[in-house]
Amino acid sequence: MNQSSDKSKEYDLEERTARFSEDILGYIRNIKKDDINRNIIVQSARSTTSIGANYCEANASSSKRDFRNKIYICKKEANETKYWLRLLAKYHPEFKEELKKFWQEAHEFHLIFQKVTNTIDKNV
């Protein structure tokens, strides 16, 4: 892949959310599950993958209202992902640094989707 294609992928939010899901799924797959963290891991996987899935749905929405609702869900799922990652980092301090990077990416998604919903709300 050439550099311009790499640059466009960097700013392609569908691609970015998909990579985020893939990265988190790959990472949490390797965390040993027990009675305490099993639900946290499952919830992390669900909220993480929901960000990208809802963004894809937003891009295929049938109306501005539908688009805004899907983007709002993306924002909520990004926030939920931050919560689950925080719990994982607390419960597994040995993974704290990597989970902190994932938390930062989820936070950036939250900010992006907040900006989109604010812009839509201003234009209504």
PDB file of N, CA and C in Angstrom:
ATOM      1  N   MET A   1       0.844  -1.177   0.000  1.00  0.00           N
ATOM      2  CA  MET A   1       0.000   0.000   0.000  1.00  0.00           C
ATOM      3  C   MET A   1       0.885   1.234   0.000  1.00  0.00           C
ATOM      4  N   ASN A   2       0.516   2.253  -0.780  1.00  0.00           N
ATOM      5  CA  ASN A   2       1.336   3.452  -0.826  1.00  0.00           C
ATOM      6  C   ASN A   2       0.988   4.389   0.327  1.00  0.00           C
ATOM      7  N   GLN A   3       1.817   5.426   0.489  1.00  0.00           N
ATOM      8  CA  GLN A   3       1.653   6.311   1.637  1.00  0.00           C
ATOM      9  C   GLN A   3       0.333   7.067   1.599  1.00  0.00           C
ATOM     10  N   SER A   4      -0.130   7.500   0.429  1.00  0.00           N
ATOM     11  CA  SER A   4      -1.387   8.245   0.386  1.00  0.00           C
ATOM     12  C   SER A   4      -2.555   7.359   0.785  1.00  0.00           C
ATOM     13  N   SER A   5      -2.516   6.076   0.428  1.00  0.00           N
ATOM     14  CA  SER A   5      -3.563   5.148   0.861  1.00  0.00           C
ATOM     15  C   SER A   5      -3.505   4.946   2.365  1.00  0.00           C
ATOM     16  N   ASP A   6      -2.292   4.875   2.918  1.00  0.00           N
ATOM     17  CA  ASP A   6      -2.152   4.741   4.367  1.00  0.00           C
ATOM     18  C   ASP A   6      -2.740   5.951   5.073  1.00  0.00           C
ATOM     19  N   LYS A   7      -2.503   7.142   4.515  1.00  0.00           N
ATOM     20  CA  LYS A   7      -3.020   8.379   5.104  1.00  0.00           C
ATOM     21  C   LYS A   7      -4.537   8.389   5.071  1.00  0.00           C
ATOM     22  N   SER A   8      -5.133   7.980   3.933  1.00  0.00           N
ATOM     23  CA  SER A   8      -6.587   8.005   3.844  1.00  0.00           C
ATOM     24  C   SER A   8      -7.210   7.002   4.799  1.00  0.00           C
ATOM     25  N   LYS A   9      -6.562   5.856   5.012  1.00  0.00           N
ATOM     26  CA  LYS A   9      -7.059   4.853   5.969  1.00  0.00           C
ATOM     27  C   LYS A   9      -7.021   5.420   7.386  1.00  0.00           C
ATOM     28  N   GLU A  10      -5.989   6.246   7.676  1.00  0.00           N
ATOM     29  CA  GLU A  10      -5.839   6.837   8.999  1.00  0.00           C
ATOM     30  C   GLU A  10      -7.039   7.718   9.344  1.00  0.00           C
ATOM     31  N   TYR A  11      -7.614   8.383   8.340  1.00  0.00           N
ATOM     32  CA  TYR A  11      -8.730   9.290   8.574  1.00  0.00           C
ATOM     33  C   TYR A  11     -10.073   8.689   8.189  1.00  0.00           C
ATOM     34  N   ASP A  12     -10.085   7.436   7.783  1.00  0.00           N
ATOM     35  CA  ASP A  12     -11.311   6.727   7.460  1.00  0.00           C
ATOM     36  C   ASP A  12     -11.867   6.188   8.771  1.00  0.00           C
ATOM     37  N   LEU A  13     -12.938   6.806   9.256  1.00  0.00           N
ATOM     38  CA  LEU A  13     -13.448   6.456  10.575  1.00  0.00           C
ATOM     39  C   LEU A  13     -14.029   5.050  10.615  1.00  0.00           C
ATOM     40  N   GLU A  14     -14.600   4.584   9.517  1.00  0.00           N
ATOM     41  CA  GLU A  14     -15.077   3.194   9.485  1.00  0.00           C
ATOM     42  C   GLU A  14     -13.901   2.242   9.672  1.00  0.00           C
ATOM     43  N   GLU A  15     -12.827   2.502   8.965  1.00  0.00           N
ATOM     44  CA  GLU A  15     -11.634   1.657   9.077  1.00  0.00           C
ATOM     45  C   GLU A  15     -11.034   1.769  10.479  1.00  0.00           C
ATOM     46  N   ARG A  16     -10.982   2.963  10.998  1.00  0.00           N
ATOM     47  CA  ARG A  16     -10.390   3.184  12.323  1.00  0.00           C
ATOM     48  C   ARG A  16     -11.186   2.466  13.416  1.00  0.00           C
ATOM     49  N   THR A  17     -12.515   2.532  13.340  1.00  0.00           N
ATOM     50  CA  THR A  17     -13.325   1.849  14.350  1.00  0.00           C
ATOM     51  C   THR A  17     -13.220   0.331  14.194  1.00  0.00           C
ATOM     52  N   ALA A  18     -13.115  -0.141  12.961  1.00  0.00           N
ATOM     53  CA  ALA A  18     -12.962  -1.585  12.731  1.00  0.00           C
ATOM     54  C   ALA A  18     -11.628  -2.075  13.280  1.00  0.00           C
ATOM     55  N   ARG A  19     -10.560  -1.331  13.010  1.00  0.00           N
ATOM     56  CA  ARG A  19      -9.238  -1.706  13.538  1.00  0.00           C
ATOM     57  C   ARG A  19      -9.235  -1.703  15.060  1.00  0.00           C
ATOM     58  N   PHE A  20      -9.904  -0.716  15.640  1.00  0.00           N
ATOM     59  CA  PHE A  20     -10.005  -0.636  17.101  1.00  0.00           C
ATOM     60  C   PHE A  20     -10.675  -1.893  17.649  1.00  0.00           C
ATOM     61  N   SER A  21     -11.778  -2.292  17.042  1.00  0.00           N
ATOM     62  CA  SER A  21     -12.476  -3.506  17.468  1.00  0.00           C
ATOM     63  C   SER A  21     -11.569  -4.723  17.328  1.00  0.00           C
ATOM     64  N   GLU A  22     -10.926  -4.849  16.188  1.00  0.00           N
ATOM     65  CA  GLU A  22     -10.037  -5.993  15.954  1.00  0.00           C
ATOM     66  C   GLU A  22      -8.905  -6.028  16.982  1.00  0.00           C
ATOM     67  N   ASP A  23      -8.323  -4.867  17.246  1.00  0.00           N
ATOM     68  CA  ASP A  23      -7.203  -4.796  18.192  1.00  0.00           C
ATOM     69  C   ASP A  23      -7.637  -5.175  19.604  1.00  0.00           C
ATOM     70  N   ILE A  24      -8.758  -4.644  20.032  1.00  0.00           N
ATOM     71  CA  ILE A  24      -9.239  -4.956  21.387  1.00  0.00           C
ATOM     72  C   ILE A  24      -9.629  -6.421  21.484  1.00  0.00           C
ATOM     73  N   LEU A  25     -10.361  -6.927  20.488  1.00  0.00           N
ATOM     74  CA  LEU A  25     -10.757  -8.340  20.528  1.00  0.00           C
ATOM     75  C   LEU A  25      -9.528  -9.242  20.603  1.00  0.00           C
ATOM     76  N   GLY A  26      -8.521  -8.930  19.812  1.00  0.00           N
ATOM     77  CA  GLY A  26      -7.288  -9.717  19.845  1.00  0.00           C
ATOM     78  C   GLY A  26      -6.594  -9.634  21.195  1.00  0.00           C
ATOM     79  N   TYR A  27      -6.641  -8.459  21.785  1.00  0.00           N
ATOM     80  CA  TYR A  27      -5.960  -8.268  23.073  1.00  0.00           C
ATOM     81  C   TYR A  27      -6.700  -8.961  24.214  1.00  0.00           C
ATOM     82  N   ILE A  28      -8.000  -8.738  24.310  1.00  0.00           N
ATOM     83  CA  ILE A  28      -8.733  -9.313  25.451  1.00  0.00           C
ATOM     84  C   ILE A  28      -8.885 -10.827  25.333  1.00  0.00           C
ATOM     85  N   ARG A  29      -8.724 -11.305  24.128  1.00  0.00           N
ATOM     86  CA  ARG A  29      -8.778 -12.765  23.932  1.00  0.00           C
ATOM     87  C   ARG A  29      -7.691 -13.468  24.746  1.00  0.00           C
ATOM     88  N   ASN A  30      -6.586 -12.763  24.952  1.00  0.00           N
ATOM     89  CA  ASN A  30      -5.451 -13.352  25.660  1.00  0.00           C
ATOM     90  C   ASN A  30      -5.483 -13.145  27.175  1.00  0.00           C
ATOM     91  N   ILE A  31      -6.487 -12.422  27.660  1.00  0.00           N
ATOM     92  CA  ILE A  31      -6.600 -12.237  29.103  1.00  0.00           C
ATOM     93  C   ILE A  31      -7.297 -13.465  29.689  1.00  0.00           C
ATOM     94  N   LYS A  32      -6.661 -14.053  30.684  1.00  0.00           N
ATOM     95  CA  LYS A  32      -7.241 -15.233  31.320  1.00  0.00           C
ATOM     96  C   LYS A  32      -8.565 -14.856  31.988  1.00  0.00           C
ATOM     97  N   LYS A  33      -9.592 -15.617  31.669  1.00  0.00           N
ATOM     98  CA  LYS A  33     -10.915 -15.339  32.208  1.00  0.00           C
ATOM     99  C   LYS A  33     -11.139 -16.087  33.520  1.00  0.00           C
ATOM    100  N   ASP A  34     -11.816 -15.415  34.429  1.00  0.00           N
ATOM    101  CA  ASP A  34     -12.224 -16.039  35.681  1.00  0.00           C
ATOM    102  C   ASP A  34     -13.623 -15.539  36.023  1.00  0.00           C
ATOM    103  N   ASP A  35     -14.142 -15.931  37.155  1.00  0.00           N
ATOM    104  CA  ASP A  35     -15.514 -15.575  37.525  1.00  0.00           C
ATOM    105  C   ASP A  35     -15.719 -14.064  37.658  1.00  0.00           C
ATOM    106  N   ILE A  36     -14.688 -13.359  38.033  1.00  0.00           N
ATOM    107  CA  ILE A  36     -14.813 -11.911  38.249  1.00  0.00           C
ATOM    108  C   ILE A  36     -14.727 -11.128  36.944  1.00  0.00           C
ATOM    109  N   ASN A  37     -13.768 -11.442  36.091  1.00  0.00           N
ATOM    110  CA  ASN A  37     -13.550 -10.596  34.921  1.00  0.00           C
ATOM    111  C   ASN A  37     -14.278 -11.059  33.655  1.00  0.00           C
ATOM    112  N   ARG A  38     -14.890 -12.218  33.679  1.00  0.00           N
ATOM    113  CA  ARG A  38     -15.540 -12.747  32.472  1.00  0.00           C
ATOM    114  C   ARG A  38     -16.562 -11.744  31.898  1.00  0.00           C
ATOM    115  N   ASN A  39     -17.439 -11.238  32.739  1.00  0.00           N
ATOM    116  CA  ASN A  39     -18.452 -10.293  32.268  1.00  0.00           C
ATOM    117  C   ASN A  39     -17.815  -8.994  31.772  1.00  0.00           C
ATOM    118  N   ILE A  40     -16.782  -8.539  32.445  1.00  0.00           N
ATOM    119  CA  ILE A  40     -16.096  -7.310  32.023  1.00  0.00           C
ATOM    120  C   ILE A  40     -15.507  -7.493  30.628  1.00  0.00           C
ATOM    121  N   ILE A  41     -14.923  -8.637  30.366  1.00  0.00           N
ATOM    122  CA  ILE A  41     -14.332  -8.926  29.054  1.00  0.00           C
ATOM    123  C   ILE A  41     -15.426  -8.987  27.989  1.00  0.00           C
ATOM    124  N   VAL A  42     -16.521  -9.667  28.299  1.00  0.00           N
ATOM    125  CA  VAL A  42     -17.634  -9.770  27.335  1.00  0.00           C
ATOM    126  C   VAL A  42     -18.217  -8.389  27.052  1.00  0.00           C
ATOM    127  N   GLN A  43     -18.432  -7.613  28.101  1.00  0.00           N
ATOM    128  CA  GLN A  43     -18.993  -6.272  27.919  1.00  0.00           C
ATOM    129  C   GLN A  43     -18.029  -5.372  27.129  1.00  0.00           C
ATOM    130  N   SER A  44     -16.738  -5.529  27.373  1.00  0.00           N
ATOM    131  CA  SER A  44     -15.734  -4.760  26.616  1.00  0.00           C
ATOM    132  C   SER A  44     -15.828  -5.084  25.131  1.00  0.00           C
ATOM    133  N   ALA A  45     -15.941  -6.355  24.826  1.00  0.00           N
ATOM    134  CA  ALA A  45     -16.055  -6.772  23.422  1.00  0.00           C
ATOM    135  C   ALA A  45     -17.332  -6.216  22.793  1.00  0.00           C
ATOM    136  N   ARG A  46     -18.428  -6.277  23.516  1.00  0.00           N
ATOM    137  CA  ARG A  46     -19.708  -5.794  22.972  1.00  0.00           C
ATOM    138  C   ARG A  46     -19.698  -4.293  22.716  1.00  0.00           C
ATOM    139  N   SER A  47     -19.256  -3.528  23.701  1.00  0.00           N
ATOM    140  CA  SER A  47     -19.290  -2.071  23.522  1.00  0.00           C
ATOM    141  C   SER A  47     -18.295  -1.614  22.464  1.00  0.00           C
ATOM    142  N   THR A  48     -17.139  -2.253  22.438  1.00  0.00           N
ATOM    143  CA  THR A  48     -16.121  -1.884  21.451  1.00  0.00           C
ATOM    144  C   THR A  48     -16.613  -2.125  20.025  1.00  0.00           C
ATOM    145  N   THR A  49     -17.148  -3.297  19.776  1.00  0.00           N
ATOM    146  CA  THR A  49     -17.600  -3.617  18.421  1.00  0.00           C
ATOM    147  C   THR A  49     -18.836  -2.825  18.048  1.00  0.00           C
ATOM    148  N   SER A  50     -19.601  -2.409  19.024  1.00  0.00           N
ATOM    149  CA  SER A  50     -20.802  -1.619  18.753  1.00  0.00           C
ATOM    150  C   SER A  50     -20.460  -0.233  18.204  1.00  0.00           C
ATOM    151  N   ILE A  51     -19.317   0.309  18.580  1.00  0.00           N
ATOM    152  CA  ILE A  51     -18.916   1.627  18.074  1.00  0.00           C
ATOM    153  C   ILE A  51     -18.856   1.585  16.547  1.00  0.00           C
ATOM    154  N   GLY A  52     -18.084   0.662  16.015  1.00  0.00           N
ATOM    155  CA  GLY A  52     -17.915   0.565  14.564  1.00  0.00           C
ATOM    156  C   GLY A  52     -19.175   0.128  13.854  1.00  0.00           C
ATOM    157  N   ALA A  53     -19.904  -0.814  14.441  1.00  0.00           N
ATOM    158  CA  ALA A  53     -21.135  -1.296  13.807  1.00  0.00           C
ATOM    159  C   ALA A  53     -22.148  -0.166  13.670  1.00  0.00           C
ATOM    160  N   ASN A  54     -22.297   0.631  14.709  1.00  0.00           N
ATOM    161  CA  ASN A  54     -23.248   1.738  14.644  1.00  0.00           C
ATOM    162  C   ASN A  54     -22.771   2.851  13.726  1.00  0.00           C
ATOM    163  N   TYR A  55     -21.447   3.024  13.630  1.00  0.00           N
ATOM    164  CA  TYR A  55     -20.940   4.023  12.687  1.00  0.00           C
ATOM    165  C   TYR A  55     -21.226   3.597  11.247  1.00  0.00           C
ATOM    166  N   CYS A  56     -21.061   2.312  10.950  1.00  0.00           N
ATOM    167  CA  CYS A  56     -21.398   1.806   9.609  1.00  0.00           C
ATOM    168  C   CYS A  56     -22.890   2.007   9.334  1.00  0.00           C
ATOM    169  N   GLU A  57     -23.723   1.735  10.322  1.00  0.00           N
ATOM    170  CA  GLU A  57     -25.160   1.943  10.158  1.00  0.00           C
ATOM    171  C   GLU A  57     -25.476   3.418   9.950  1.00  0.00           C
ATOM    172  N   ALA A  58     -24.783   4.293  10.658  1.00  0.00           N
ATOM    173  CA  ALA A  58     -24.999   5.738  10.489  1.00  0.00           C
ATOM    174  C   ALA A  58     -24.707   6.152   9.051  1.00  0.00           C
ATOM    175  N   ASN A  59     -23.642   5.620   8.501  1.00  0.00           N
ATOM    176  CA  ASN A  59     -23.277   5.973   7.126  1.00  0.00           C
ATOM    177  C   ASN A  59     -24.271   5.457   6.100  1.00  0.00           C
ATOM    178  N   ALA A  60     -25.049   4.467   6.481  1.00  0.00           N
ATOM    179  CA  ALA A  60     -26.073   3.921   5.575  1.00  0.00           C
ATOM    180  C   ALA A  60     -27.472   4.356   6.010  1.00  0.00           C
ATOM    181  N   SER A  61     -27.563   5.369   6.849  1.00  0.00           N
ATOM    182  CA  SER A  61     -28.853   5.776   7.403  1.00  0.00           C
ATOM    183  C   SER A  61     -29.763   6.354   6.328  1.00  0.00           C
ATOM    184  N   SER A  62     -31.046   6.306   6.617  1.00  0.00           N
ATOM    185  CA  SER A  62     -32.054   6.749   5.656  1.00  0.00           C
ATOM    186  C   SER A  62     -32.490   8.193   5.881  1.00  0.00           C
ATOM    187  N   SER A  63     -32.083   8.777   6.994  1.00  0.00           N
ATOM    188  CA  SER A  63     -32.475  10.162   7.271  1.00  0.00           C
ATOM    189  C   SER A  63     -31.440  10.811   8.185  1.00  0.00           C
ATOM    190  N   LYS A  64     -31.519  12.121   8.267  1.00  0.00           N
ATOM    191  CA  LYS A  64     -30.619  12.857   9.150  1.00  0.00           C
ATOM    192  C   LYS A  64     -30.868  12.463  10.610  1.00  0.00           C
ATOM    193  N   ARG A  65     -32.119  12.250  10.950  1.00  0.00           N
ATOM    194  CA  ARG A  65     -32.473  11.846  12.319  1.00  0.00           C
ATOM    195  C   ARG A  65     -31.885  10.466  12.645  1.00  0.00           C
ATOM    196  N   ASP A  66     -32.019   9.534  11.713  1.00  0.00           N
ATOM    197  CA  ASP A  66     -31.450   8.198  11.899  1.00  0.00           C
ATOM    198  C   ASP A  66     -29.931   8.287  12.038  1.00  0.00           C
ATOM    199  N   PHE A  67     -29.301   9.112  11.200  1.00  0.00           N
ATOM    200  CA  PHE A  67     -27.855   9.309  11.267  1.00  0.00           C
ATOM    201  C   PHE A  67     -27.456   9.824  12.649  1.00  0.00           C
ATOM    202  N   ARG A  68     -28.144  10.836  13.128  1.00  0.00           N
ATOM    203  CA  ARG A  68     -27.825  11.425  14.431  1.00  0.00           C
ATOM    204  C   ARG A  68     -27.995  10.402  15.550  1.00  0.00           C
ATOM    205  N   ASN A  69     -29.054   9.614  15.496  1.00  0.00           N
ATOM    206  CA  ASN A  69     -29.289   8.603  16.526  1.00  0.00           C
ATOM    207  C   ASN A  69     -28.168   7.567  16.550  1.00  0.00           C
ATOM    208  N   LYS A  70     -27.728   7.120  15.380  1.00  0.00           N
ATOM    209  CA  LYS A  70     -26.644   6.127  15.325  1.00  0.00           C
ATOM    210  C   LYS A  70     -25.329   6.722  15.827  1.00  0.00           C
ATOM    211  N   ILE A  71     -25.066   7.970  15.471  1.00  0.00           N
ATOM    212  CA  ILE A  71     -23.845   8.627  15.941  1.00  0.00           C
ATOM    213  C   ILE A  71     -23.891   8.796  17.456  1.00  0.00           C
ATOM    214  N   TYR A  72     -25.065   9.123  17.988  1.00  0.00           N
ATOM    215  CA  TYR A  72     -25.223   9.251  19.431  1.00  0.00           C
ATOM    216  C   TYR A  72     -24.946   7.913  20.129  1.00  0.00           C
ATOM    217  N   ILE A  73     -25.402   6.833  19.523  1.00  0.00           N
ATOM    218  CA  ILE A  73     -25.116   5.504  20.071  1.00  0.00           C
ATOM    219  C   ILE A  73     -23.610   5.235  20.038  1.00  0.00           C
ATOM    220  N   CYS A  74     -22.952   5.623  18.956  1.00  0.00           N
ATOM    221  CA  CYS A  74     -21.488   5.467  18.878  1.00  0.00           C
ATOM    222  C   CYS A  74     -20.815   6.175  20.050  1.00  0.00           C
ATOM    223  N   LYS A  75     -21.267   7.387  20.325  1.00  0.00           N
ATOM    224  CA  LYS A  75     -20.697   8.164  21.434  1.00  0.00           C
ATOM    225  C   LYS A  75     -20.926   7.451  22.767  1.00  0.00           C
ATOM    226  N   LYS A  76     -22.134   6.952  22.986  1.00  0.00           N
ATOM    227  CA  LYS A  76     -22.441   6.241  24.227  1.00  0.00           C
ATOM    228  C   LYS A  76     -21.616   4.965  24.365  1.00  0.00           C
ATOM    229  N   GLU A  77     -21.454   4.235  23.264  1.00  0.00           N
ATOM    230  CA  GLU A  77     -20.673   2.993  23.301  1.00  0.00           C
ATOM    231  C   GLU A  77     -19.193   3.284  23.542  1.00  0.00           C
ATOM    232  N   ALA A  78     -18.688   4.385  23.012  1.00  0.00           N
ATOM    233  CA  ALA A  78     -17.299   4.767  23.272  1.00  0.00           C
ATOM    234  C   ALA A  78     -17.110   5.051  24.760  1.00  0.00           C
ATOM    235  N   ASN A  79     -18.091   5.727  25.352  1.00  0.00           N
ATOM    236  CA  ASN A  79     -18.032   5.995  26.789  1.00  0.00           C
ATOM    237  C   ASN A  79     -18.093   4.708  27.600  1.00  0.00           C
ATOM    238  N   GLU A  80     -18.983   3.806  27.202  1.00  0.00           N
ATOM    239  CA  GLU A  80     -19.094   2.527  27.901  1.00  0.00           C
ATOM    240  C   GLU A  80     -17.803   1.732  27.778  1.00  0.00           C
ATOM    241  N   THR A  81     -17.185   1.764  26.611  1.00  0.00           N
ATOM    242  CA  THR A  81     -15.916   1.064  26.406  1.00  0.00           C
ATOM    243  C   THR A  81     -14.858   1.589  27.368  1.00  0.00           C
ATOM    244  N   LYS A  82     -14.807   2.908  27.549  1.00  0.00           N
ATOM    245  CA  LYS A  82     -13.850   3.486  28.496  1.00  0.00           C
ATOM    246  C   LYS A  82     -14.067   2.927  29.901  1.00  0.00           C
ATOM    247  N   TYR A  83     -15.314   2.777  30.274  1.00  0.00           N
ATOM    248  CA  TYR A  83     -15.648   2.245  31.596  1.00  0.00           C
ATOM    249  C   TYR A  83     -15.110   0.821  31.767  1.00  0.00           C
ATOM    250  N   TRP A  84     -15.400  -0.047  30.796  1.00  0.00           N
ATOM    251  CA  TRP A  84     -14.966  -1.442  30.898  1.00  0.00           C
ATOM    252  C   TRP A  84     -13.449  -1.551  30.856  1.00  0.00           C
ATOM    253  N   LEU A  85     -12.806  -0.729  30.034  1.00  0.00           N
ATOM    254  CA  LEU A  85     -11.338  -0.757  29.978  1.00  0.00           C
ATOM    255  C   LEU A  85     -10.730  -0.304  31.304  1.00  0.00           C
ATOM    256  N   ARG A  86     -11.359   0.665  31.925  1.00  0.00           N
ATOM    257  CA  ARG A  86     -10.887   1.120  33.240  1.00  0.00           C
ATOM    258  C   ARG A  86     -10.946  -0.029  34.247  1.00  0.00           C
ATOM    259  N   LEU A  87     -12.064  -0.752  34.255  1.00  0.00           N
ATOM    260  CA  LEU A  87     -12.200  -1.871  35.179  1.00  0.00           C
ATOM    261  C   LEU A  87     -11.172  -2.972  34.892  1.00  0.00           C
ATOM    262  N   LEU A  88     -10.972  -3.263  33.608  1.00  0.00           N
ATOM    263  CA  LEU A  88      -9.967  -4.271  33.258  1.00  0.00           C
ATOM    264  C   LEU A  88      -8.581  -3.857  33.731  1.00  0.00           C
ATOM    265  N   ALA A  89      -8.254  -2.584  33.548  1.00  0.00           N
ATOM    266  CA  ALA A  89      -6.934  -2.089  33.966  1.00  0.00           C
ATOM    267  C   ALA A  89      -6.780  -2.158  35.481  1.00  0.00           C
ATOM    268  N   LYS A  90      -7.847  -1.891  36.202  1.00  0.00           N
ATOM    269  CA  LYS A  90      -7.794  -1.962  37.669  1.00  0.00           C
ATOM    270  C   LYS A  90      -7.627  -3.415  38.135  1.00  0.00           C
ATOM    271  N   TYR A  91      -8.355  -4.306  37.475  1.00  0.00           N
ATOM    272  CA  TYR A  91      -8.324  -5.714  37.859  1.00  0.00           C
ATOM    273  C   TYR A  91      -7.053  -6.411  37.362  1.00  0.00           C
ATOM    274  N   HIS A  92      -6.494  -5.915  36.277  1.00  0.00           N
ATOM    275  CA  HIS A  92      -5.274  -6.500  35.694  1.00  0.00           C
ATOM    276  C   HIS A  92      -4.211  -5.411  35.531  1.00  0.00           C
ATOM    277  N   PRO A  93      -3.584  -5.003  36.620  1.00  0.00           N
ATOM    278  CA  PRO A  93      -2.586  -3.933  36.512  1.00  0.00           C
ATOM    279  C   PRO A  93      -1.431  -4.269  35.572  1.00  0.00           C
ATOM    280  N   GLU A  94      -1.211  -5.552  35.338  1.00  0.00           N
ATOM    281  CA  GLU A  94      -0.131  -5.947  34.426  1.00  0.00           C
ATOM    282  C   GLU A  94      -0.428  -5.552  32.976  1.00  0.00           C
ATOM    283  N   PHE A  95      -1.682  -5.249  32.674  1.00  0.00           N
ATOM    284  CA  PHE A  95      -2.080  -4.834  31.321  1.00  0.00           C
ATOM    285  C   PHE A  95      -2.410  -3.344  31.244  1.00  0.00           C
ATOM    286  N   LYS A  96      -2.161  -2.636  32.331  1.00  0.00           N
ATOM    287  CA  LYS A  96      -2.609  -1.247  32.443  1.00  0.00           C
ATOM    288  C   LYS A  96      -2.120  -0.349  31.299  1.00  0.00           C
ATOM    289  N   GLU A  97      -0.862  -0.454  30.927  1.00  0.00           N
ATOM    290  CA  GLU A  97      -0.316   0.447  29.893  1.00  0.00           C
ATOM    291  C   GLU A  97      -0.998   0.245  28.540  1.00  0.00           C
ATOM    292  N   GLU A  98      -1.177  -0.993  28.141  1.00  0.00           N
ATOM    293  CA  GLU A  98      -1.832  -1.258  26.856  1.00  0.00           C
ATOM    294  C   GLU A  98      -3.308  -0.858  26.910  1.00  0.00           C
ATOM    295  N   LEU A  99      -3.961  -1.161  28.010  1.00  0.00           N
ATOM    296  CA  LEU A  99      -5.372  -0.804  28.154  1.00  0.00           C
ATOM    297  C   LEU A  99      -5.555   0.712  28.185  1.00  0.00           C
ATOM    298  N   LYS A 100      -4.564   1.416  28.711  1.00  0.00           N
ATOM    299  CA  LYS A 100      -4.602   2.882  28.725  1.00  0.00           C
ATOM    300  C   LYS A 100      -4.597   3.435  27.292  1.00  0.00           C
ATOM    301  N   LYS A 101      -3.838   2.805  26.402  1.00  0.00           N
ATOM    302  CA  LYS A 101      -3.817   3.222  24.991  1.00  0.00           C
ATOM    303  C   LYS A 101      -5.186   2.992  24.352  1.00  0.00           C
ATOM    304  N   PHE A 102      -5.791   1.854  24.645  1.00  0.00           N
ATOM    305  CA  PHE A 102      -7.133   1.586  24.119  1.00  0.00           C
ATOM    306  C   PHE A 102      -8.139   2.578  24.691  1.00  0.00           C
ATOM    307  N   TRP A 103      -8.012   2.894  25.974  1.00  0.00           N
ATOM    308  CA  TRP A 103      -8.897   3.866  26.609  1.00  0.00           C
ATOM    309  C   TRP A 103      -8.788   5.218  25.901  1.00  0.00           C
ATOM    310  N   GLN A 104      -7.565   5.617  25.576  1.00  0.00           N
ATOM    311  CA  GLN A 104      -7.341   6.899  24.894  1.00  0.00           C
ATOM    312  C   GLN A 104      -8.030   6.918  23.526  1.00  0.00           C
ATOM    313  N   GLU A 105      -7.942   5.820  22.795  1.00  0.00           N
ATOM    314  CA  GLU A 105      -8.599   5.750  21.488  1.00  0.00           C
ATOM    315  C   GLU A 105     -10.124   5.829  21.660  1.00  0.00           C
ATOM    316  N   ALA A 106     -10.663   5.141  22.660  1.00  0.00           N
ATOM    317  CA  ALA A 106     -12.109   5.214  22.926  1.00  0.00           C
ATOM    318  C   ALA A 106     -12.501   6.648  23.290  1.00  0.00           C
ATOM    319  N   HIS A 107     -11.651   7.326  24.029  1.00  0.00           N
ATOM    320  CA  HIS A 107     -11.908   8.719  24.401  1.00  0.00           C
ATOM    321  C   HIS A 107     -11.917   9.612  23.149  1.00  0.00           C
ATOM    322  N   GLU A 108     -10.985   9.381  22.251  1.00  0.00           N
ATOM    323  CA  GLU A 108     -10.968  10.153  21.006  1.00  0.00           C
ATOM    324  C   GLU A 108     -12.239   9.908  20.196  1.00  0.00           C
ATOM    325  N   PHE A 109     -12.709   8.665  20.148  1.00  0.00           N
ATOM    326  CA  PHE A 109     -13.972   8.383  19.471  1.00  0.00           C
ATOM    327  C   PHE A 109     -15.114   9.155  20.132  1.00  0.00           C
ATOM    328  N   HIS A 110     -15.137   9.143  21.449  1.00  0.00           N
ATOM    329  CA  HIS A 110     -16.183   9.885  22.162  1.00  0.00           C
ATOM    330  C   HIS A 110     -16.169  11.358  21.744  1.00  0.00           C
ATOM    331  N   LEU A 111     -14.991  11.964  21.720  1.00  0.00           N
ATOM    332  CA  LEU A 111     -14.881  13.378  21.342  1.00  0.00           C
ATOM    333  C   LEU A 111     -15.318  13.613  19.895  1.00  0.00           C
ATOM    334  N   ILE A 112     -14.926  12.722  19.006  1.00  0.00           N
ATOM    335  CA  ILE A 112     -15.311  12.857  17.593  1.00  0.00           C
ATOM    336  C   ILE A 112     -16.830  12.788  17.454  1.00  0.00           C
ATOM    337  N   PHE A 113     -17.441  11.779  18.069  1.00  0.00           N
ATOM    338  CA  PHE A 113     -18.883  11.613  17.931  1.00  0.00           C
ATOM    339  C   PHE A 113     -19.650  12.709  18.665  1.00  0.00           C
ATOM    340  N   GLN A 114     -19.091  13.236  19.749  1.00  0.00           N
ATOM    341  CA  GLN A 114     -19.715  14.386  20.431  1.00  0.00           C
ATOM    342  C   GLN A 114     -19.722  15.596  19.507  1.00  0.00           C
ATOM    343  N   LYS A 115     -18.626  15.814  18.826  1.00  0.00           N
ATOM    344  CA  LYS A 115     -18.531  16.947  17.893  1.00  0.00           C
ATOM    345  C   LYS A 115     -19.543  16.791  16.758  1.00  0.00           C
ATOM    346  N   VAL A 116     -19.685  15.583  16.237  1.00  0.00           N
ATOM    347  CA  VAL A 116     -20.637  15.340  15.159  1.00  0.00           C
ATOM    348  C   VAL A 116     -22.061  15.615  15.649  1.00  0.00           C
ATOM    349  N   THR A 117     -22.426  15.104  16.819  1.00  0.00           N
ATOM    350  CA  THR A 117     -23.791  15.332  17.313  1.00  0.00           C
ATOM    351  C   THR A 117     -24.018  16.814  17.604  1.00  0.00           C
ATOM    352  N   ASN A 118     -23.023  17.504  18.140  1.00  0.00           N
ATOM    353  CA  ASN A 118     -23.154  18.948  18.374  1.00  0.00           C
ATOM    354  C   ASN A 118     -23.385  19.701  17.075  1.00  0.00           C
ATOM    355  N   THR A 119     -22.645  19.330  16.042  1.00  0.00           N
ATOM    356  CA  THR A 119     -22.792  19.983  14.738  1.00  0.00           C
ATOM    357  C   THR A 119     -24.174  19.729  14.154  1.00  0.00           C
ATOM    358  N   ILE A 120     -24.644  18.505  14.243  1.00  0.00           N
ATOM    359  CA  ILE A 120     -25.975  18.174  13.742  1.00  0.00           C
ATOM    360  C   ILE A 120     -27.036  18.961  14.508  1.00  0.00           C
ATOM    361  N   ASP A 121     -26.900  19.015  15.824  1.00  0.00           N
ATOM    362  CA  ASP A 121     -27.883  19.708  16.661  1.00  0.00           C
ATOM    363  C   ASP A 121     -27.923  21.208  16.358  1.00  0.00           C
ATOM    364  N   LYS A 122     -26.779  21.796  16.031  1.00  0.00           N
ATOM    365  CA  LYS A 122     -26.726  23.225  15.682  1.00  0.00           C
ATOM    366  C   LYS A 122     -27.464  23.493  14.369  1.00  0.00           C
ATOM    367  N   ASN A 123     -27.401  22.535  13.449  1.00  0.00           N
ATOM    368  CA  ASN A 123     -27.974  22.713  12.120  1.00  0.00           C
ATOM    369  C   ASN A 123     -29.431  22.287  12.012  1.00  0.00           C
ATOM    370  N   VAL A 124     -30.023  21.893  13.138  1.00  0.00           N
ATOM    371  CA  VAL A 124     -31.430  21.446  13.082  1.00  0.00           C
ATOM    372  C   VAL A 124     -32.354  22.610  13.297  1.00  0.00           C
TER     373      VAL A 124
END
